Amino acid sequence: MTLIIPSQNLKQLWRCWLFTTVALFCAPAGFSQSQPLPRDPPDTSAASAISVKTELVVLPVSVTDTKGNIVLGLSQQDFRVYEDGRLQKVTMFQQQDTPVTVGLIVDHSRSMGANLPEVAAAVSSFAQSSNSSDEMFVVDFNDDVSVELLDGKAFTNDPKELAKAVFAVRARGRTALYDAVAEGLLHLKLGHCDRKALIIVSDGGDNASQQKFSQILTIAQQSQVLIYSIGLVGDTGEVNPAVLTRLSKATGGIAYFPDRTNTVTSISAQIARDLREQYTLGFAPEKADNARAFRKIEVKVTAPGHGRIRVRTRSGYFAAEEKSLPTQTAKGAK
């Protein structure tokens, strides 16, 4: 805009200056000669959603020698992770003792009555041997399943509270093992720790659940939970130790069966040590053709000076579905 000021006399010049000043002050708010010119809106007709992959596969890995001794001091460069035979880039590596959210799944069917005092002692021993920042809870089950209140909290690391929770339900009735594991997996989602585990104390039999074993196994592999089992297999009840073995092996845990030299209490201490001395690896998986397909995991380790070694981790996982975030669409776009 060009402003032409007549130069006839001083009075006209003053009037012109005053008019220009008032016009500038009365202009709409936000107006500025230096304000950038508006740009054309982005073209949103090409796509209406952005696919975002948020999944991180976390692998607890135990490395032992031929005598069963845990091999410590390895570095990230000593590990190679394969998914369906393809080498993956490890983006997370931890070798320190990190907190774990742990669910204790305790059988209270009629056949387990005589074992409950020893189980309560084992639970207390486990808590005392664990990381002081671990989150723990107890699920008691027989015909019914209940997550025990721990002084009004969802989790605790107090050995006395955990042992008390074991006795909250009396031993009676049948065995709803699969439903109890499902409840434990659900409660684990409330935990704050990256690593999560279940410890099942049962004879492995099930004669009262609505869930099926195949469903529980799939849910466990989707949730990336580590499952340990302590199988108390006696002469009574509907025992099925194979169920405990399969659940534990598929998720990277161990199934123990106590004998005269290996009590429930000593086994619980072994599990606590195993959780504290594991390596934790993580990687972001590539997009698969079939997102719901089972993905096989293999971890190889190089440990010079340790001879033959054994590597234990989960056998694989079911990938979570990718999430789509909607984008704003321009008016008139179809």
C-alpha atoms as a PDB file:
ATOM      1  CA  MET A   1       0.000   0.000   0.000  1.00  0.00           C
ATOM      2  CA  THR A   2       1.404   3.399  -1.017  1.00  0.00           C
ATOM      3  CA  LEU A   3       0.389   6.461   0.957  1.00  0.00           C
ATOM      4  CA  ILE A   4       0.510   9.783  -0.957  1.00  0.00           C
ATOM      5  CA  ILE A   5       0.794  12.840   1.271  1.00  0.00           C
ATOM      6  CA  PRO A   6       0.014  16.254  -0.276  1.00  0.00           C
ATOM      7  CA  SER A   7       2.678  18.803   0.539  1.00  0.00           C
ATOM      8  CA  GLN A   8       0.459  21.884   0.332  1.00  0.00           C
ATOM      9  CA  ASN A   9       0.922  23.080   3.861  1.00  0.00           C
ATOM     10  CA  LEU A  10       1.896  21.898   7.347  1.00  0.00           C
ATOM     11  CA  LYS A  11      -1.698  21.514   8.473  1.00  0.00           C
ATOM     12  CA  GLN A  12      -2.463  19.041   5.730  1.00  0.00           C
ATOM     13  CA  LEU A  13       0.723  17.124   6.571  1.00  0.00           C
ATOM     14  CA  TRP A  14      -0.328  16.856  10.249  1.00  0.00           C
ATOM     15  CA  ARG A  15      -3.787  15.607   9.328  1.00  0.00           C
ATOM     16  CA  CYS A  16      -2.326  12.940   7.063  1.00  0.00           C
ATOM     17  CA  TRP A  17       0.110  11.692   9.742  1.00  0.00           C
ATOM     18  CA  LEU A  18      -2.683  11.540  12.326  1.00  0.00           C
ATOM     19  CA  PHE A  19      -4.924   9.552   9.958  1.00  0.00           C
ATOM     20  CA  THR A  20      -2.192   6.985   9.291  1.00  0.00           C
ATOM     21  CA  THR A  21      -1.409   6.510  13.007  1.00  0.00           C
ATOM     22  CA  VAL A  22      -5.048   5.949  13.941  1.00  0.00           C
ATOM     23  CA  ALA A  23      -5.484   3.481  11.107  1.00  0.00           C
ATOM     24  CA  LEU A  24      -2.566   1.383  12.310  1.00  0.00           C
ATOM     25  CA  PHE A  25      -3.792   1.247  15.923  1.00  0.00           C
ATOM     26  CA  CYS A  26      -7.292   0.299  14.848  1.00  0.00           C
ATOM     27  CA  ALA A  27      -6.181  -2.526  12.620  1.00  0.00           C
ATOM     28  CA  PRO A  28      -7.407  -6.063  13.589  1.00  0.00           C
ATOM     29  CA  ALA A  29      -5.493  -7.770  16.399  1.00  0.00           C
ATOM     30  CA  GLY A  30      -2.686 -10.045  15.259  1.00  0.00           C
ATOM     31  CA  PHE A  31      -2.057  -8.066  12.026  1.00  0.00           C
ATOM     32  CA  SER A  32       1.575  -7.397  11.254  1.00  0.00           C
ATOM     33  CA  GLN A  33       3.426  -6.429   8.122  1.00  0.00           C
ATOM     34  CA  SER A  34       5.991  -9.157   8.977  1.00  0.00           C
ATOM     35  CA  GLN A  35       3.313 -11.876   9.375  1.00  0.00           C
ATOM     36  CA  PRO A  36       4.097 -14.780   7.033  1.00  0.00           C
ATOM     37  CA  LEU A  37       1.763 -15.486   4.190  1.00  0.00           C
ATOM     38  CA  PRO A  38      -0.624 -18.396   4.792  1.00  0.00           C
ATOM     39  CA  ARG A  39       0.470 -21.691   3.272  1.00  0.00           C
ATOM     40  CA  ASP A  40      -1.627 -24.173   1.437  1.00  0.00           C
ATOM     41  CA  PRO A  41      -3.061 -26.869   3.769  1.00  0.00           C
ATOM     42  CA  PRO A  42      -1.302 -30.260   3.623  1.00  0.00           C
ATOM     43  CA  ASP A  43      -2.725 -32.848   1.284  1.00  0.00           C
ATOM     44  CA  THR A  44      -4.528 -35.397   3.459  1.00  0.00           C
ATOM     45  CA  SER A  45      -6.308 -37.182   0.684  1.00  0.00           C
ATOM     46  CA  ALA A  46      -3.497 -39.722   0.261  1.00  0.00           C
ATOM     47  CA  ALA A  47      -3.975 -41.431   3.649  1.00  0.00           C
ATOM     48  CA  SER A  48      -6.325 -41.247   6.622  1.00  0.00           C
ATOM     49  CA  ALA A  49      -4.261 -43.085   9.272  1.00  0.00           C
ATOM     50  CA  ILE A  50      -0.691 -43.467  10.432  1.00  0.00           C
ATOM     51  CA  SER A  51       0.435 -46.927  11.537  1.00  0.00           C
ATOM     52  CA  VAL A  52       2.545 -46.820  14.696  1.00  0.00           C
ATOM     53  CA  LYS A  53       4.532 -49.775  16.029  1.00  0.00           C
ATOM     54  CA  THR A  54       4.967 -49.534  19.798  1.00  0.00           C
ATOM     55  CA  GLU A  55       5.922 -53.128  20.574  1.00  0.00           C
ATOM     56  CA  LEU A  56       9.197 -54.029  22.246  1.00  0.00           C
ATOM     57  CA  VAL A  57       9.944 -57.698  22.728  1.00  0.00           C
ATOM     58  CA  VAL A  58      11.631 -58.180  26.114  1.00  0.00           C
ATOM     59  CA  LEU A  59      13.579 -61.409  26.620  1.00  0.00           C
ATOM     60  CA  PRO A  60      14.753 -62.666  30.022  1.00  0.00           C
ATOM     61  CA  VAL A  61      17.805 -64.805  29.258  1.00  0.00           C
ATOM     62  CA  SER A  62      19.561 -67.209  31.637  1.00  0.00           C
ATOM     63  CA  VAL A  63      23.044 -68.483  30.769  1.00  0.00           C
ATOM     64  CA  THR A  64      24.509 -71.466  32.651  1.00  0.00           C
ATOM     65  CA  ASP A  65      27.471 -73.804  32.237  1.00  0.00           C
ATOM     66  CA  THR A  66      27.359 -77.603  32.151  1.00  0.00           C
ATOM     67  CA  LYS A  67      27.237 -77.741  35.959  1.00  0.00           C
ATOM     68  CA  GLY A  68      24.264 -75.406  36.158  1.00  0.00           C
ATOM     69  CA  ASN A  69      26.287 -72.442  37.413  1.00  0.00           C
ATOM     70  CA  ILE A  70      25.031 -69.063  36.184  1.00  0.00           C
ATOM     71  CA  VAL A  71      27.441 -67.327  33.793  1.00  0.00           C
ATOM     72  CA  LEU A  72      27.725 -63.629  34.618  1.00  0.00           C
ATOM     73  CA  GLY A  73      29.772 -60.761  33.188  1.00  0.00           C
ATOM     74  CA  LEU A  74      28.724 -61.105  29.545  1.00  0.00           C
ATOM     75  CA  SER A  75      28.246 -58.016  27.353  1.00  0.00           C
ATOM     76  CA  GLN A  76      25.684 -57.142  24.728  1.00  0.00           C
ATOM     77  CA  GLN A  77      28.133 -58.115  21.982  1.00  0.00           C
ATOM     78  CA  ASP A  78      28.091 -61.715  23.286  1.00  0.00           C
ATOM     79  CA  PHE A  79      24.382 -62.128  22.437  1.00  0.00           C
ATOM     80  CA  ARG A  80      22.690 -62.674  19.091  1.00  0.00           C
ATOM     81  CA  VAL A  81      18.900 -62.738  18.853  1.00  0.00           C
ATOM     82  CA  TYR A  82      17.032 -64.354  15.978  1.00  0.00           C
ATOM     83  CA  GLU A  83      13.348 -64.091  15.159  1.00  0.00           C
ATOM     84  CA  ASP A  84      12.173 -66.749  12.709  1.00  0.00           C
ATOM     85  CA  GLY A  85      15.810 -67.200  11.695  1.00  0.00           C
ATOM     86  CA  ARG A  86      16.465 -63.489  11.033  1.00  0.00           C
ATOM     87  CA  LEU A  87      19.084 -61.658  13.099  1.00  0.00           C
ATOM     88  CA  GLN A  88      17.588 -58.791  15.135  1.00  0.00           C
ATOM     89  CA  LYS A  89      19.150 -55.582  16.429  1.00  0.00           C
ATOM     90  CA  VAL A  90      19.253 -55.593  20.236  1.00  0.00           C
ATOM     91  CA  THR A  91      18.103 -52.173  21.445  1.00  0.00           C
ATOM     92  CA  MET A  92      17.924 -52.917  25.188  1.00  0.00           C
ATOM     93  CA  PHE A  93      20.451 -54.773  27.309  1.00  0.00           C
ATOM     94  CA  GLN A  94      20.565 -55.103  31.096  1.00  0.00           C
ATOM     95  CA  GLN A  95      22.619 -57.357  33.299  1.00  0.00           C
ATOM     96  CA  GLN A  96      21.899 -55.860  36.694  1.00  0.00           C
ATOM     97  CA  ASP A  97      19.290 -57.003  39.180  1.00  0.00           C
ATOM     98  CA  THR A  98      16.131 -55.187  38.039  1.00  0.00           C
ATOM     99  CA  PRO A  99      12.727 -55.314  39.793  1.00  0.00           C
ATOM    100  CA  VAL A 100      10.097 -57.843  38.727  1.00  0.00           C
ATOM    101  CA  THR A 101       6.328 -57.990  39.132  1.00  0.00           C
ATOM    102  CA  VAL A 102       5.607 -61.520  40.396  1.00  0.00           C
ATOM    103  CA  GLY A 103       2.340 -63.360  40.855  1.00  0.00           C
ATOM    104  CA  LEU A 104       2.244 -66.404  43.170  1.00  0.00           C
ATOM    105  CA  ILE A 105      -0.484 -68.820  41.997  1.00  0.00           C
ATOM    106  CA  VAL A 106      -1.245 -71.202  44.885  1.00  0.00           C
ATOM    107  CA  ASP A 107      -3.384 -74.332  44.609  1.00  0.00           C
ATOM    108  CA  HIS A 108      -5.957 -74.684  47.435  1.00  0.00           C
ATOM    109  CA  SER A 109      -7.766 -77.769  46.209  1.00  0.00           C
ATOM    110  CA  ARG A 110      -8.559 -80.532  48.725  1.00  0.00           C
ATOM    111  CA  SER A 111      -5.415 -82.536  47.920  1.00  0.00           C
ATOM    112  CA  MET A 112      -3.151 -79.565  48.732  1.00  0.00           C
ATOM    113  CA  GLY A 113      -4.260 -79.060  52.343  1.00  0.00           C
ATOM    114  CA  ALA A 114      -1.290 -80.779  53.963  1.00  0.00           C
ATOM    115  CA  ASN A 115       1.181 -78.794  51.814  1.00  0.00           C
ATOM    116  CA  LEU A 116      -0.041 -75.269  52.576  1.00  0.00           C
ATOM    117  CA  PRO A 117       2.192 -74.628  55.646  1.00  0.00           C
ATOM    118  CA  GLU A 118       5.278 -75.515  53.579  1.00  0.00           C
ATOM    119  CA  VAL A 119       4.004 -73.412  50.678  1.00  0.00           C
ATOM    120  CA  ALA A 120       3.500 -70.403  52.959  1.00  0.00           C
ATOM    121  CA  ALA A 121       7.059 -70.805  54.256  1.00  0.00           C
ATOM    122  CA  ALA A 122       8.338 -71.032  50.676  1.00  0.00           C
ATOM    123  CA  VAL A 123       6.473 -67.869  49.658  1.00  0.00           C
ATOM    124  CA  SER A 124       7.978 -66.007  52.601  1.00  0.00           C
ATOM    125  CA  SER A 125      11.443 -67.325  51.713  1.00  0.00           C
ATOM    126  CA  PHE A 126      10.996 -66.209  48.116  1.00  0.00           C
ATOM    127  CA  ALA A 127      10.093 -62.677  49.195  1.00  0.00           C
ATOM    128  CA  GLN A 128      13.120 -62.468  51.476  1.00  0.00           C
ATOM    129  CA  SER A 129      15.426 -63.614  48.650  1.00  0.00           C
ATOM    130  CA  SER A 130      14.004 -61.221  46.055  1.00  0.00           C
ATOM    131  CA  ASN A 131      14.804 -57.663  45.034  1.00  0.00           C
ATOM    132  CA  SER A 132      13.449 -55.243  47.638  1.00  0.00           C
ATOM    133  CA  SER A 133      11.682 -53.327  44.840  1.00  0.00           C
ATOM    134  CA  ASP A 134       9.817 -56.358  43.477  1.00  0.00           C
ATOM    135  CA  GLU A 135       6.010 -56.196  43.313  1.00  0.00           C
ATOM    136  CA  MET A 136       4.231 -59.386  44.438  1.00  0.00           C
ATOM    137  CA  PHE A 137       0.704 -60.684  44.834  1.00  0.00           C
ATOM    138  CA  VAL A 138      -1.030 -63.985  45.611  1.00  0.00           C
ATOM    139  CA  VAL A 139      -3.798 -65.766  43.700  1.00  0.00           C
ATOM    140  CA  ASP A 140      -5.490 -68.570  45.662  1.00  0.00           C
ATOM    141  CA  PHE A 141      -7.620 -71.081  43.806  1.00  0.00           C
ATOM    142  CA  ASN A 142      -9.712 -74.245  44.182  1.00  0.00           C
ATOM    143  CA  ASP A 143     -13.195 -74.284  42.609  1.00  0.00           C
ATOM    144  CA  ASP A 144     -12.982 -70.496  42.754  1.00  0.00           C
ATOM    145  CA  VAL A 145     -10.203 -68.011  42.040  1.00  0.00           C
ATOM    146  CA  SER A 146      -9.369 -64.997  44.209  1.00  0.00           C
ATOM    147  CA  VAL A 147      -6.662 -62.331  44.148  1.00  0.00           C
ATOM    148  CA  GLU A 148      -5.913 -61.788  47.832  1.00  0.00           C
ATOM    149  CA  LEU A 149      -5.994 -58.316  49.335  1.00  0.00           C
ATOM    150  CA  LEU A 150      -2.583 -57.338  50.683  1.00  0.00           C
ATOM    151  CA  ASP A 151      -3.438 -54.822  53.371  1.00  0.00           C
ATOM    152  CA  GLY A 152      -5.484 -52.908  50.810  1.00  0.00           C
ATOM    153  CA  LYS A 153      -2.717 -52.829  48.195  1.00  0.00           C
ATOM    154  CA  ALA A 154      -2.479 -54.494  44.792  1.00  0.00           C
ATOM    155  CA  PHE A 155       1.140 -55.539  45.467  1.00  0.00           C
ATOM    156  CA  THR A 156       3.555 -55.980  48.341  1.00  0.00           C
ATOM    157  CA  ASN A 157       7.053 -57.257  49.086  1.00  0.00           C
ATOM    158  CA  ASP A 158       6.357 -57.996  52.744  1.00  0.00           C
ATOM    159  CA  PRO A 159       7.026 -61.727  53.450  1.00  0.00           C
ATOM    160  CA  LYS A 160       4.500 -61.794  56.308  1.00  0.00           C
ATOM    161  CA  GLU A 161       1.688 -60.334  54.206  1.00  0.00           C
ATOM    162  CA  LEU A 162       2.371 -62.819  51.409  1.00  0.00           C
ATOM    163  CA  ALA A 163       2.457 -65.807  53.755  1.00  0.00           C
ATOM    164  CA  LYS A 164      -0.782 -64.612  55.365  1.00  0.00           C
ATOM    165  CA  ALA A 165      -2.411 -64.429  51.913  1.00  0.00           C
ATOM    166  CA  VAL A 166      -1.628 -68.116  51.327  1.00  0.00           C
ATOM    167  CA  PHE A 167      -3.833 -69.034  54.317  1.00  0.00           C
ATOM    168  CA  ALA A 168      -6.661 -66.694  53.300  1.00  0.00           C
ATOM    169  CA  VAL A 169      -8.482 -69.603  51.639  1.00  0.00           C
ATOM    170  CA  ARG A 170      -8.851 -73.110  53.085  1.00  0.00           C
ATOM    171  CA  ALA A 171      -8.062 -76.204  51.042  1.00  0.00           C
ATOM    172  CA  ARG A 172     -11.227 -77.687  49.583  1.00  0.00           C
ATOM    173  CA  GLY A 173     -12.945 -78.668  46.380  1.00  0.00           C
ATOM    174  CA  ARG A 174     -11.555 -79.046  42.892  1.00  0.00           C
ATOM    175  CA  THR A 175      -8.789 -77.358  40.863  1.00  0.00           C
ATOM    176  CA  ALA A 176      -9.351 -74.351  38.551  1.00  0.00           C
ATOM    177  CA  LEU A 177      -5.692 -73.987  37.596  1.00  0.00           C
ATOM    178  CA  TYR A 178      -6.155 -72.468  34.133  1.00  0.00           C
ATOM    179  CA  ASP A 179      -8.609 -69.843  35.402  1.00  0.00           C
ATOM    180  CA  ALA A 180      -6.156 -68.932  38.175  1.00  0.00           C
ATOM    181  CA  VAL A 181      -3.293 -68.473  35.702  1.00  0.00           C
ATOM    182  CA  ALA A 182      -5.571 -66.287  33.554  1.00  0.00           C
ATOM    183  CA  GLU A 183      -6.377 -64.133  36.600  1.00  0.00           C
ATOM    184  CA  GLY A 184      -2.679 -63.874  37.444  1.00  0.00           C
ATOM    185  CA  LEU A 185      -1.807 -62.762  33.906  1.00  0.00           C
ATOM    186  CA  LEU A 186      -4.536 -60.134  34.106  1.00  0.00           C
ATOM    187  CA  HIS A 187      -3.343 -58.783  37.468  1.00  0.00           C
ATOM    188  CA  LEU A 188       0.240 -58.571  36.181  1.00  0.00           C
ATOM    189  CA  LYS A 189      -0.883 -55.806  33.818  1.00  0.00           C
ATOM    190  CA  LEU A 190      -1.318 -53.543  36.857  1.00  0.00           C
ATOM    191  CA  GLY A 191       2.386 -53.907  37.691  1.00  0.00           C
ATOM    192  CA  HIS A 192       4.969 -51.206  37.051  1.00  0.00           C
ATOM    193  CA  CYS A 193       8.007 -53.393  36.303  1.00  0.00           C
ATOM    194  CA  ASP A 194       9.168 -54.187  32.771  1.00  0.00           C
ATOM    195  CA  ARG A 195       9.820 -57.819  33.719  1.00  0.00           C
ATOM    196  CA  LYS A 196       6.900 -59.968  34.839  1.00  0.00           C
ATOM    197  CA  ALA A 197       6.669 -63.540  36.118  1.00  0.00           C
ATOM    198  CA  LEU A 198       4.266 -66.079  37.575  1.00  0.00           C
ATOM    199  CA  ILE A 199       5.146 -68.846  40.023  1.00  0.00           C
ATOM    200  CA  ILE A 200       2.619 -71.694  40.053  1.00  0.00           C
ATOM    201  CA  VAL A 201       2.448 -74.030  43.050  1.00  0.00           C
ATOM    202  CA  SER A 202       0.156 -76.924  42.114  1.00  0.00           C
ATOM    203  CA  ASP A 203      -0.035 -80.561  41.051  1.00  0.00           C
ATOM    204  CA  GLY A 204      -0.842 -79.404  37.511  1.00  0.00           C
ATOM    205  CA  GLY A 205      -4.265 -81.034  37.362  1.00  0.00           C
ATOM    206  CA  ASP A 206      -7.343 -79.075  36.312  1.00  0.00           C
ATOM    207  CA  ASN A 207     -10.953 -80.182  36.629  1.00  0.00           C
ATOM    208  CA  ALA A 208     -12.867 -76.943  37.257  1.00  0.00           C
ATOM    209  CA  SER A 209     -11.703 -74.209  34.833  1.00  0.00           C
ATOM    210  CA  GLN A 210     -13.689 -72.464  32.141  1.00  0.00           C
ATOM    211  CA  GLN A 211     -10.460 -71.679  30.287  1.00  0.00           C
ATOM    212  CA  LYS A 212      -8.604 -74.284  28.246  1.00  0.00           C
ATOM    213  CA  PHE A 213      -4.881 -74.963  28.356  1.00  0.00           C
ATOM    214  CA  SER A 214      -4.376 -73.837  24.748  1.00  0.00           C
ATOM    215  CA  GLN A 215      -5.983 -70.485  25.562  1.00  0.00           C
ATOM    216  CA  ILE A 216      -3.796 -69.953  28.606  1.00  0.00           C
ATOM    217  CA  LEU A 217      -0.628 -70.826  26.702  1.00  0.00           C
ATOM    218  CA  THR A 218      -1.466 -68.324  23.952  1.00  0.00           C
ATOM    219  CA  ILE A 219      -2.267 -65.549  26.457  1.00  0.00           C
ATOM    220  CA  ALA A 220       1.007 -66.199  28.295  1.00  0.00           C
ATOM    221  CA  GLN A 221       3.011 -65.997  25.058  1.00  0.00           C
ATOM    222  CA  GLN A 222       1.263 -62.774  24.072  1.00  0.00           C
ATOM    223  CA  SER A 223       2.000 -61.172  27.442  1.00  0.00           C
ATOM    224  CA  GLN A 224       5.716 -62.148  27.446  1.00  0.00           C
ATOM    225  CA  VAL A 225       5.441 -63.399  31.031  1.00  0.00           C
ATOM    226  CA  LEU A 226       8.008 -65.784  32.500  1.00  0.00           C
ATOM    227  CA  ILE A 227       6.345 -68.765  34.230  1.00  0.00           C
ATOM    228  CA  TYR A 228       7.952 -70.994  36.854  1.00  0.00           C
ATOM    229  CA  SER A 229       6.213 -74.032  38.305  1.00  0.00           C
ATOM    230  CA  ILE A 230       6.610 -75.998  41.524  1.00  0.00           C
ATOM    231  CA  GLY A 231       4.811 -79.270  40.982  1.00  0.00           C
ATOM    232  CA  LEU A 232       3.617 -80.988  44.151  1.00  0.00           C
ATOM    233  CA  VAL A 233       2.691 -84.331  42.624  1.00  0.00           C
ATOM    234  CA  GLY A 234       1.306 -86.750  45.210  1.00  0.00           C
ATOM    235  CA  ASP A 235      -0.811 -89.887  45.181  1.00  0.00           C
ATOM    236  CA  THR A 236      -4.140 -88.038  45.289  1.00  0.00           C
ATOM    237  CA  GLY A 237      -5.885 -85.563  43.036  1.00  0.00           C
ATOM    238  CA  GLU A 238      -5.936 -85.192  39.280  1.00  0.00           C
ATOM    239  CA  VAL A 239      -2.230 -84.607  38.647  1.00  0.00           C
ATOM    240  CA  ASN A 240      -0.762 -83.458  35.345  1.00  0.00           C
ATOM    241  CA  PRO A 241       2.901 -82.445  35.650  1.00  0.00           C
ATOM    242  CA  ALA A 242       3.219 -82.191  31.842  1.00  0.00           C
ATOM    243  CA  VAL A 243       1.040 -79.069  31.904  1.00  0.00           C
ATOM    244  CA  LEU A 244       3.420 -77.309  34.299  1.00  0.00           C
ATOM    245  CA  THR A 245       6.461 -78.372  32.284  1.00  0.00           C
ATOM    246  CA  ARG A 246       5.023 -77.148  29.016  1.00  0.00           C
ATOM    247  CA  LEU A 247       3.875 -73.778  30.396  1.00  0.00           C
ATOM    248  CA  SER A 248       7.258 -73.111  31.956  1.00  0.00           C
ATOM    249  CA  LYS A 249       9.376 -74.213  29.006  1.00  0.00           C
ATOM    250  CA  ALA A 250       7.334 -72.226  26.460  1.00  0.00           C
ATOM    251  CA  THR A 251       7.747 -68.975  28.424  1.00  0.00           C
ATOM    252  CA  GLY A 252      11.407 -69.353  29.398  1.00  0.00           C
ATOM    253  CA  GLY A 253      10.909 -70.566  32.966  1.00  0.00           C
ATOM    254  CA  ILE A 254      11.565 -73.886  34.715  1.00  0.00           C
ATOM    255  CA  ALA A 255       9.262 -76.519  36.172  1.00  0.00           C
ATOM    256  CA  TYR A 256      10.526 -77.985  39.460  1.00  0.00           C
ATOM    257  CA  PHE A 257       9.306 -81.123  41.191  1.00  0.00           C
ATOM    258  CA  PRO A 258      10.452 -81.291  44.837  1.00  0.00           C
ATOM    259  CA  ASP A 259      11.945 -84.422  46.353  1.00  0.00           C
ATOM    260  CA  ARG A 260      13.642 -85.248  49.640  1.00  0.00           C
ATOM    261  CA  THR A 261      16.746 -83.243  48.714  1.00  0.00           C
ATOM    262  CA  ASN A 262      14.986 -80.336  47.014  1.00  0.00           C
ATOM    263  CA  THR A 263      12.197 -78.823  49.098  1.00  0.00           C
ATOM    264  CA  VAL A 264       9.615 -76.221  48.124  1.00  0.00           C
ATOM    265  CA  THR A 265      11.495 -73.633  50.184  1.00  0.00           C
ATOM    266  CA  SER A 266      14.864 -74.322  48.543  1.00  0.00           C
ATOM    267  CA  ILE A 267      13.257 -74.252  45.091  1.00  0.00           C
ATOM    268  CA  SER A 268      11.640 -70.874  45.773  1.00  0.00           C
ATOM    269  CA  ALA A 269      15.077 -69.504  46.680  1.00  0.00           C
ATOM    270  CA  GLN A 270      16.459 -70.892  43.390  1.00  0.00           C
ATOM    271  CA  ILE A 271      13.715 -69.130  41.444  1.00  0.00           C
ATOM    272  CA  ALA A 272      14.417 -65.846  43.225  1.00  0.00           C
ATOM    273  CA  ARG A 273      18.096 -66.152  42.345  1.00  0.00           C
ATOM    274  CA  ASP A 274      17.310 -67.012  38.731  1.00  0.00           C
ATOM    275  CA  LEU A 275      15.165 -63.872  38.388  1.00  0.00           C
ATOM    276  CA  ARG A 276      17.861 -61.681  39.936  1.00  0.00           C
ATOM    277  CA  GLU A 277      20.748 -62.962  37.804  1.00  0.00           C
ATOM    278  CA  GLN A 278      19.151 -62.990  34.363  1.00  0.00           C
ATOM    279  CA  TYR A 279      20.150 -60.886  31.397  1.00  0.00           C
ATOM    280  CA  THR A 280      17.382 -58.794  29.877  1.00  0.00           C
ATOM    281  CA  LEU A 281      17.413 -58.175  26.134  1.00  0.00           C
ATOM    282  CA  GLY A 282      14.950 -56.229  24.021  1.00  0.00           C
ATOM    283  CA  PHE A 283      14.395 -55.629  20.330  1.00  0.00           C
ATOM    284  CA  ALA A 284      11.788 -53.987  18.090  1.00  0.00           C
ATOM    285  CA  PRO A 285      10.473 -56.666  15.715  1.00  0.00           C
ATOM    286  CA  GLU A 286       9.963 -56.147  12.022  1.00  0.00           C
ATOM    287  CA  LYS A 287       6.469 -56.115  10.574  1.00  0.00           C
ATOM    288  CA  ALA A 288       5.399 -59.642   9.674  1.00  0.00           C
ATOM    289  CA  ASP A 289       3.106 -60.703   6.849  1.00  0.00           C
ATOM    290  CA  ASN A 290       0.817 -62.322   9.413  1.00  0.00           C
ATOM    291  CA  ALA A 291       0.765 -60.211  12.572  1.00  0.00           C
ATOM    292  CA  ARG A 292      -1.031 -62.922  14.551  1.00  0.00           C
ATOM    293  CA  ALA A 293       1.413 -65.703  13.685  1.00  0.00           C
ATOM    294  CA  PHE A 294       3.686 -67.212  16.338  1.00  0.00           C
ATOM    295  CA  ARG A 295       7.239 -65.900  16.021  1.00  0.00           C
ATOM    296  CA  LYS A 296      10.023 -68.247  17.033  1.00  0.00           C
ATOM    297  CA  ILE A 297      12.871 -66.847  19.120  1.00  0.00           C
ATOM    298  CA  GLU A 298      16.432 -68.150  19.376  1.00  0.00           C
ATOM    299  CA  VAL A 299      19.247 -66.585  21.403  1.00  0.00           C
ATOM    300  CA  LYS A 300      22.865 -67.567  20.810  1.00  0.00           C
ATOM    301  CA  VAL A 301      25.649 -66.624  23.205  1.00  0.00           C
ATOM    302  CA  THR A 302      29.420 -66.510  22.886  1.00  0.00           C
ATOM    303  CA  ALA A 303      31.118 -67.036  26.260  1.00  0.00           C
ATOM    304  CA  PRO A 304      34.845 -67.754  25.863  1.00  0.00           C
ATOM    305  CA  GLY A 305      36.416 -69.624  28.761  1.00  0.00           C
ATOM    306  CA  HIS A 306      33.151 -71.116  30.020  1.00  0.00           C
ATOM    307  CA  GLY A 307      33.080 -74.250  27.875  1.00  0.00           C
ATOM    308  CA  ARG A 308      29.721 -75.473  26.701  1.00  0.00           C
ATOM    309  CA  ILE A 309      26.884 -73.265  27.894  1.00  0.00           C
ATOM    310  CA  ARG A 310      23.118 -73.504  28.031  1.00  0.00           C
ATOM    311  CA  VAL A 311      20.881 -70.587  27.086  1.00  0.00           C
ATOM    312  CA  ARG A 312      17.303 -70.420  28.334  1.00  0.00           C
ATOM    313  CA  THR A 313      14.672 -67.933  27.188  1.00  0.00           C
ATOM    314  CA  ARG A 314      11.121 -67.981  25.845  1.00  0.00           C
ATOM    315  CA  SER A 315      10.567 -70.107  22.740  1.00  0.00           C
ATOM    316  CA  GLY A 316       8.715 -67.315  20.957  1.00  0.00           C
ATOM    317  CA  TYR A 317       5.761 -64.967  21.167  1.00  0.00           C
ATOM    318  CA  PHE A 318       2.575 -63.828  19.497  1.00  0.00           C
ATOM    319  CA  ALA A 319       2.979 -60.284  18.207  1.00  0.00           C
ATOM    320  CA  ALA A 320       0.557 -57.605  19.340  1.00  0.00           C
ATOM    321  CA  GLU A 321      -1.498 -55.993  16.609  1.00  0.00           C
ATOM    322  CA  GLU A 322      -0.329 -52.620  15.333  1.00  0.00           C
ATOM    323  CA  LYS A 323      -2.350 -49.599  16.372  1.00  0.00           C
ATOM    324  CA  SER A 324      -3.599 -46.963  13.916  1.00  0.00           C
ATOM    325  CA  LEU A 325      -3.837 -43.332  14.902  1.00  0.00           C
ATOM    326  CA  PRO A 326      -6.458 -41.319  12.964  1.00  0.00           C
ATOM    327  CA  THR A 327      -5.335 -38.114  11.259  1.00  0.00           C
ATOM    328  CA  GLN A 328      -7.342 -35.009  10.577  1.00  0.00           C
ATOM    329  CA  THR A 329      -8.970 -34.935   7.148  1.00  0.00           C
ATOM    330  CA  ALA A 330      -9.381 -31.746   5.129  1.00  0.00           C
ATOM    331  CA  LYS A 331     -12.926 -30.562   4.565  1.00  0.00           C
ATOM    332  CA  GLY A 332     -14.318 -31.973   1.393  1.00  0.00           C
ATOM    333  CA  ALA A 333     -11.835 -34.873   1.267  1.00  0.00           C
ATOM    334  CA  LYS A 334     -13.338 -38.304   0.759  1.00  0.00           C
END
